[in-house]
Amino acid sequence: MKKKWLIGLGVAAVVISGVILCYTMFFSSLGDTYYYTQIDNSRLSRAGGQGVIDLTGNGGMEYSYTLPSFDENGGQRDITFGVSRELRESAFLRLTVRSGRGVMTWAEVQYDELPPAVREHYAAPEN
């Protein structure tokens, strides 16, 4: 009887751990990293066949960008993300990147909103 109880407890622990892991990976913002980039439309390509998956449910991820991007400390990494349309040339974006999932969201930001370590990589726009 005690052996069955311990086995049941072990199975429950594994199931609960799996649920917590899945929640953390797919729904929690825990582990999100912000990267900053500047749009270069010469690096826009058709996403067809490249495996850009639309996780937002909005559909229409026809295009993709692969751009050099910088984290808050200035660390560089090329990041690919899908979009439904061509974005404004030279616009600055903040990408929310989730480990194991890729770019979850992006938002246009102003040059002044870039972290200081990121601003070092870009020229200030002329007004």
N, C-alpha and C. Protein backbone atom coordinates (compact mmCIF):
# COMPACT_ATOMS: atom_id res chain seq x y z
N MET A 1 0.83 -1.20 0.00
CA MET A 1 0.00 0.00 0.00
C MET A 1 0.87 1.26 0.00
N LYS A 2 1.91 1.23 0.84
CA LYS A 2 2.80 2.38 0.94
C LYS A 2 3.56 2.59 -0.38
N LYS A 3 3.91 1.49 -1.04
CA LYS A 3 4.64 1.57 -2.31
C LYS A 3 3.78 2.24 -3.38
N LYS A 4 2.50 1.90 -3.48
CA LYS A 4 1.59 2.52 -4.44
C LYS A 4 1.45 4.01 -4.15
N TRP A 5 1.37 4.37 -2.90
CA TRP A 5 1.24 5.77 -2.51
C TRP A 5 2.48 6.56 -2.95
N LEU A 6 3.67 5.99 -2.75
CA LEU A 6 4.90 6.66 -3.15
C LEU A 6 5.00 6.78 -4.67
N ILE A 7 4.59 5.76 -5.39
CA ILE A 7 4.59 5.82 -6.85
C ILE A 7 3.62 6.91 -7.33
N GLY A 8 2.44 6.96 -6.74
CA GLY A 8 1.45 7.99 -7.08
C GLY A 8 1.97 9.39 -6.80
N LEU A 9 2.67 9.54 -5.68
CA LEU A 9 3.25 10.83 -5.31
C LEU A 9 4.34 11.23 -6.31
N GLY A 10 5.14 10.27 -6.73
CA GLY A 10 6.19 10.53 -7.72
C GLY A 10 5.61 10.94 -9.07
N VAL A 11 4.57 10.24 -9.51
CA VAL A 11 3.91 10.57 -10.78
C VAL A 11 3.31 11.98 -10.70
N ALA A 12 2.67 12.30 -9.59
CA ALA A 12 2.07 13.64 -9.40
C ALA A 12 3.15 14.71 -9.45
N ALA A 13 4.28 14.46 -8.84
CA ALA A 13 5.38 15.43 -8.85
C ALA A 13 5.90 15.67 -10.26
N VAL A 14 6.01 14.60 -11.05
CA VAL A 14 6.47 14.73 -12.44
C VAL A 14 5.46 15.52 -13.26
N VAL A 15 4.18 15.24 -13.10
CA VAL A 15 3.14 15.95 -13.85
C VAL A 15 3.13 17.43 -13.48
N ILE A 16 3.19 17.73 -12.20
CA ILE A 16 3.19 19.13 -11.75
C ILE A 16 4.43 19.85 -12.27
N SER A 17 5.58 19.20 -12.24
CA SER A 17 6.80 19.81 -12.77
C SER A 17 6.67 20.09 -14.26
N GLY A 18 6.07 19.16 -14.99
CA GLY A 18 5.87 19.35 -16.43
C GLY A 18 4.94 20.52 -16.73
N VAL A 19 3.88 20.65 -15.95
CA VAL A 19 2.95 21.76 -16.14
C VAL A 19 3.66 23.08 -15.87
N ILE A 20 4.43 23.15 -14.81
CA ILE A 20 5.17 24.38 -14.48
C ILE A 20 6.17 24.71 -15.58
N LEU A 21 6.88 23.71 -16.08
CA LEU A 21 7.85 23.93 -17.15
C LEU A 21 7.17 24.43 -18.42
N CYS A 22 6.06 23.82 -18.81
CA CYS A 22 5.33 24.25 -20.01
C CYS A 22 4.81 25.67 -19.85
N TYR A 23 4.27 25.99 -18.68
CA TYR A 23 3.79 27.35 -18.44
C TYR A 23 4.92 28.35 -18.57
N THR A 24 6.06 28.04 -17.97
CA THR A 24 7.20 28.95 -18.02
C THR A 24 7.69 29.15 -19.44
N MET A 25 7.74 28.09 -20.23
CA MET A 25 8.25 28.18 -21.59
C MET A 25 7.29 28.89 -22.55
N PHE A 26 5.99 28.67 -22.39
CA PHE A 26 5.04 29.14 -23.39
C PHE A 26 4.22 30.36 -22.98
N PHE A 27 4.00 30.57 -21.71
CA PHE A 27 3.08 31.64 -21.31
C PHE A 27 3.70 32.70 -20.41
N SER A 28 4.71 32.35 -19.69
CA SER A 28 5.32 33.30 -18.77
C SER A 28 6.33 34.17 -19.50
N SER A 29 6.45 35.40 -19.06
CA SER A 29 7.46 36.28 -19.65
C SER A 29 8.81 36.09 -18.96
N LEU A 30 8.88 35.16 -18.03
CA LEU A 30 10.13 34.84 -17.36
C LEU A 30 11.14 34.38 -18.40
N GLY A 31 12.28 34.99 -18.44
CA GLY A 31 13.29 34.62 -19.41
C GLY A 31 13.25 35.45 -20.68
N ASP A 32 12.31 36.41 -20.77
CA ASP A 32 12.27 37.29 -21.93
C ASP A 32 13.48 38.22 -21.89
N THR A 33 14.04 38.48 -23.06
CA THR A 33 15.15 39.41 -23.21
C THR A 33 14.75 40.43 -24.26
N TYR A 34 15.08 41.68 -24.01
CA TYR A 34 14.81 42.73 -24.98
C TYR A 34 16.05 42.96 -25.83
N TYR A 35 15.82 43.01 -27.13
CA TYR A 35 16.86 43.36 -28.09
C TYR A 35 16.37 44.57 -28.88
N TYR A 36 17.30 45.35 -29.34
CA TYR A 36 16.98 46.57 -30.08
C TYR A 36 17.65 46.50 -31.44
N THR A 37 16.93 46.95 -32.46
CA THR A 37 17.45 46.91 -33.82
C THR A 37 16.92 48.09 -34.61
N GLN A 38 17.49 48.28 -35.79
CA GLN A 38 17.04 49.33 -36.69
C GLN A 38 16.66 48.69 -38.02
N ILE A 39 15.51 49.08 -38.55
CA ILE A 39 15.00 48.49 -39.78
C ILE A 39 15.89 48.87 -40.97
N ASP A 40 16.24 47.85 -41.73
CA ASP A 40 16.98 48.01 -42.98
C ASP A 40 16.20 47.19 -44.01
N ASN A 41 15.42 47.87 -44.83
CA ASN A 41 14.53 47.16 -45.76
C ASN A 41 15.26 46.39 -46.85
N SER A 42 16.56 46.60 -46.99
CA SER A 42 17.31 45.76 -47.92
C SER A 42 17.47 44.34 -47.38
N ARG A 43 17.15 44.16 -46.10
CA ARG A 43 17.25 42.83 -45.47
C ARG A 43 15.88 42.17 -45.29
N LEU A 44 14.88 42.71 -45.95
CA LEU A 44 13.53 42.15 -45.93
C LEU A 44 13.45 41.04 -46.96
N SER A 45 12.84 39.92 -46.59
CA SER A 45 12.69 38.82 -47.55
C SER A 45 11.33 38.17 -47.38
N ARG A 46 10.92 37.47 -48.40
CA ARG A 46 9.68 36.70 -48.32
C ARG A 46 9.87 35.58 -47.33
N ALA A 47 8.92 35.39 -46.43
CA ALA A 47 9.04 34.36 -45.41
C ALA A 47 8.61 33.00 -45.91
N GLY A 48 7.94 32.94 -47.04
CA GLY A 48 7.44 31.68 -47.57
C GLY A 48 8.52 30.62 -47.60
N GLY A 49 8.29 29.52 -46.88
CA GLY A 49 9.22 28.42 -46.86
C GLY A 49 10.36 28.57 -45.87
N GLN A 50 10.44 29.70 -45.17
CA GLN A 50 11.52 29.87 -44.21
C GLN A 50 11.12 29.47 -42.80
N GLY A 51 9.88 29.08 -42.61
CA GLY A 51 9.46 28.60 -41.30
C GLY A 51 9.17 29.67 -40.28
N VAL A 52 8.81 30.89 -40.71
CA VAL A 52 8.43 31.92 -39.76
C VAL A 52 7.01 31.62 -39.32
N ILE A 53 6.85 31.34 -38.05
CA ILE A 53 5.57 30.94 -37.50
C ILE A 53 4.93 32.13 -36.81
N ASP A 54 3.66 32.37 -37.07
CA ASP A 54 2.93 33.46 -36.43
C ASP A 54 2.30 32.93 -35.16
N LEU A 55 2.87 33.28 -34.02
CA LEU A 55 2.35 32.83 -32.73
C LEU A 55 1.28 33.75 -32.18
N THR A 56 1.05 34.89 -32.84
CA THR A 56 0.07 35.86 -32.34
C THR A 56 -1.34 35.51 -32.76
N GLY A 57 -1.50 34.65 -33.75
CA GLY A 57 -2.83 34.32 -34.23
C GLY A 57 -3.38 35.33 -35.22
N ASN A 58 -2.58 36.33 -35.58
CA ASN A 58 -3.04 37.35 -36.52
C ASN A 58 -2.90 36.91 -37.96
N GLY A 59 -2.12 35.90 -38.21
CA GLY A 59 -1.92 35.41 -39.57
C GLY A 59 -1.12 36.38 -40.42
N GLY A 60 -0.77 35.95 -41.61
CA GLY A 60 -0.18 36.85 -42.58
C GLY A 60 1.27 37.20 -42.37
N MET A 61 2.09 36.34 -41.82
CA MET A 61 3.51 36.63 -41.67
C MET A 61 4.20 36.31 -43.00
N GLU A 62 4.01 37.22 -43.96
CA GLU A 62 4.53 37.00 -45.31
C GLU A 62 6.01 37.31 -45.45
N TYR A 63 6.53 38.16 -44.60
CA TYR A 63 7.90 38.65 -44.73
C TYR A 63 8.70 38.35 -43.48
N SER A 64 10.01 38.44 -43.63
CA SER A 64 10.87 38.31 -42.45
C SER A 64 12.07 39.24 -42.60
N TYR A 65 12.57 39.66 -41.48
CA TYR A 65 13.80 40.43 -41.39
C TYR A 65 14.81 39.61 -40.61
N THR A 66 16.06 39.67 -41.02
CA THR A 66 17.17 39.17 -40.21
C THR A 66 18.09 40.36 -40.02
N LEU A 67 18.13 40.86 -38.79
CA LEU A 67 18.84 42.10 -38.51
C LEU A 67 19.80 41.95 -37.33
N PRO A 68 20.91 42.67 -37.37
CA PRO A 68 21.77 42.70 -36.19
C PRO A 68 21.01 43.41 -35.07
N SER A 69 21.01 42.81 -33.90
CA SER A 69 20.26 43.34 -32.77
C SER A 69 21.15 43.35 -31.55
N PHE A 70 20.84 44.25 -30.61
CA PHE A 70 21.68 44.43 -29.43
C PHE A 70 20.84 44.34 -28.17
N ASP A 71 21.38 43.62 -27.16
CA ASP A 71 20.70 43.58 -25.87
C ASP A 71 21.04 44.84 -25.08
N GLU A 72 20.49 44.96 -23.89
CA GLU A 72 20.66 46.18 -23.08
C GLU A 72 22.11 46.46 -22.72
N ASN A 73 22.96 45.43 -22.78
CA ASN A 73 24.38 45.61 -22.46
C ASN A 73 25.24 45.82 -23.71
N GLY A 74 24.61 45.83 -24.88
CA GLY A 74 25.34 46.05 -26.12
C GLY A 74 25.79 44.77 -26.80
N GLY A 75 25.42 43.60 -26.24
CA GLY A 75 25.77 42.33 -26.87
C GLY A 75 25.02 42.14 -28.17
N GLN A 76 25.69 41.74 -29.23
CA GLN A 76 25.08 41.63 -30.56
C GLN A 76 24.69 40.21 -30.91
N ARG A 77 23.59 40.12 -31.67
CA ARG A 77 23.11 38.83 -32.17
C ARG A 77 22.21 39.11 -33.37
N ASP A 78 22.32 38.33 -34.42
CA ASP A 78 21.40 38.45 -35.56
C ASP A 78 20.10 37.75 -35.19
N ILE A 79 18.99 38.45 -35.39
CA ILE A 79 17.68 37.90 -35.02
C ILE A 79 16.77 37.97 -36.24
N THR A 80 16.04 36.87 -36.48
CA THR A 80 15.06 36.80 -37.56
C THR A 80 13.66 36.85 -36.95
N PHE A 81 12.80 37.67 -37.53
CA PHE A 81 11.42 37.75 -37.06
C PHE A 81 10.50 38.03 -38.23
N GLY A 82 9.27 37.57 -38.10
CA GLY A 82 8.30 37.71 -39.17
C GLY A 82 7.44 38.95 -39.00
N VAL A 83 6.99 39.50 -40.12
CA VAL A 83 6.10 40.65 -40.14
C VAL A 83 5.09 40.46 -41.27
N SER A 84 3.99 41.20 -41.20
CA SER A 84 2.97 41.09 -42.23
C SER A 84 3.14 42.13 -43.32
N ARG A 85 4.06 43.11 -43.10
CA ARG A 85 4.24 44.18 -44.07
C ARG A 85 5.66 44.73 -43.94
N GLU A 86 6.06 45.49 -44.93
CA GLU A 86 7.34 46.17 -44.87
C GLU A 86 7.27 47.27 -43.81
N LEU A 87 8.28 47.35 -42.96
CA LEU A 87 8.29 48.35 -41.89
C LEU A 87 9.01 49.62 -42.34
N ARG A 88 8.81 50.67 -41.58
CA ARG A 88 9.39 51.98 -41.93
C ARG A 88 10.91 51.93 -41.88
N GLU A 89 11.54 52.32 -42.98
CA GLU A 89 13.01 52.33 -43.08
C GLU A 89 13.62 53.15 -41.94
N SER A 90 14.65 52.61 -41.31
CA SER A 90 15.43 53.23 -40.24
C SER A 90 14.70 53.34 -38.90
N ALA A 91 13.49 52.78 -38.80
CA ALA A 91 12.78 52.79 -37.52
C ALA A 91 13.53 51.92 -36.52
N PHE A 92 13.52 52.31 -35.26
CA PHE A 92 14.11 51.50 -34.19
C PHE A 92 13.03 50.62 -33.59
N LEU A 93 13.38 49.36 -33.33
CA LEU A 93 12.44 48.42 -32.73
C LEU A 93 12.99 47.84 -31.44
N ARG A 94 12.09 47.56 -30.52
CA ARG A 94 12.42 46.76 -29.35
C ARG A 94 11.77 45.40 -29.56
N LEU A 95 12.58 44.35 -29.62
CA LEU A 95 12.11 42.98 -29.82
C LEU A 95 12.06 42.27 -28.48
N THR A 96 10.96 41.62 -28.20
CA THR A 96 10.86 40.78 -27.00
C THR A 96 11.15 39.36 -27.44
N VAL A 97 12.27 38.81 -26.99
CA VAL A 97 12.72 37.50 -27.41
C VAL A 97 12.60 36.53 -26.23
N ARG A 98 11.88 35.45 -26.45
CA ARG A 98 11.69 34.43 -25.43
C ARG A 98 12.57 33.23 -25.77
N SER A 99 13.32 32.78 -24.80
CA SER A 99 14.21 31.64 -24.97
C SER A 99 13.43 30.43 -25.47
N GLY A 100 13.91 29.84 -26.54
CA GLY A 100 13.26 28.66 -27.09
C GLY A 100 12.08 28.96 -28.00
N ARG A 101 11.64 30.21 -28.07
CA ARG A 101 10.48 30.56 -28.88
C ARG A 101 10.79 31.62 -29.93
N GLY A 102 11.79 32.44 -29.70
CA GLY A 102 12.12 33.50 -30.64
C GLY A 102 11.43 34.80 -30.32
N VAL A 103 11.22 35.63 -31.33
CA VAL A 103 10.61 36.95 -31.14
C VAL A 103 9.12 36.77 -30.87
N MET A 104 8.69 37.28 -29.73
CA MET A 104 7.28 37.19 -29.36
C MET A 104 6.53 38.45 -29.78
N THR A 105 7.16 39.62 -29.57
CA THR A 105 6.55 40.89 -29.95
C THR A 105 7.63 41.86 -30.39
N TRP A 106 7.21 42.88 -31.09
CA TRP A 106 8.11 43.98 -31.42
C TRP A 106 7.31 45.27 -31.34
N ALA A 107 8.02 46.35 -31.02
CA ALA A 107 7.38 47.66 -30.94
C ALA A 107 8.37 48.71 -31.39
N GLU A 108 7.88 49.70 -32.12
CA GLU A 108 8.75 50.80 -32.54
C GLU A 108 9.05 51.68 -31.34
N VAL A 109 10.31 52.08 -31.21
CA VAL A 109 10.74 52.97 -30.14
C VAL A 109 11.53 54.13 -30.75
N GLN A 110 11.67 55.18 -29.98
CA GLN A 110 12.45 56.33 -30.41
C GLN A 110 13.91 56.13 -30.03
N TYR A 111 14.79 56.83 -30.70
CA TYR A 111 16.23 56.73 -30.43
C TYR A 111 16.52 57.00 -28.95
N ASP A 112 15.85 57.99 -28.37
CA ASP A 112 16.08 58.35 -26.96
C ASP A 112 15.67 57.23 -25.99
N GLU A 113 14.85 56.30 -26.44
CA GLU A 113 14.40 55.19 -25.60
C GLU A 113 15.37 54.01 -25.62
N LEU A 114 16.37 54.05 -26.51
CA LEU A 114 17.34 52.96 -26.57
C LEU A 114 18.26 53.03 -25.35
N PRO A 115 18.64 51.88 -24.79
CA PRO A 115 19.61 51.89 -23.70
C PRO A 115 20.94 52.50 -24.18
N PRO A 116 21.68 53.13 -23.29
CA PRO A 116 22.94 53.77 -23.68
C PRO A 116 23.91 52.84 -24.42
N ALA A 117 24.01 51.60 -24.00
CA ALA A 117 24.93 50.66 -24.67
C ALA A 117 24.48 50.35 -26.09
N VAL A 118 23.20 50.46 -26.36
CA VAL A 118 22.67 50.21 -27.71
C VAL A 118 22.88 51.44 -28.59
N ARG A 119 22.67 52.64 -28.01
CA ARG A 119 22.85 53.88 -28.77
C ARG A 119 24.25 54.01 -29.37
N GLU A 120 25.23 53.40 -28.72
CA GLU A 120 26.61 53.46 -29.22
C GLU A 120 26.75 52.83 -30.61
N HIS A 121 25.82 51.97 -30.97
CA HIS A 121 25.89 51.25 -32.26
C HIS A 121 25.12 51.96 -33.38
N TYR A 122 24.37 53.00 -33.04
CA TYR A 122 23.55 53.69 -34.04
C TYR A 122 23.80 55.20 -33.99
N ALA A 123 23.70 55.82 -35.14
CA ALA A 123 23.81 57.27 -35.21
C ALA A 123 22.46 57.87 -34.83
N ALA A 124 22.50 58.99 -34.14
CA ALA A 124 21.27 59.68 -33.78
C ALA A 124 20.59 60.19 -35.05
N PRO A 125 19.29 60.03 -35.16
CA PRO A 125 18.62 60.50 -36.37
C PRO A 125 18.62 62.03 -36.43
N GLU A 126 18.67 62.54 -37.65
CA GLU A 126 18.61 63.98 -37.84
C GLU A 126 17.15 64.40 -37.84
N ASN A 127 16.85 65.48 -37.16
CA ASN A 127 15.45 65.96 -37.10
C ASN A 127 15.13 66.88 -38.18
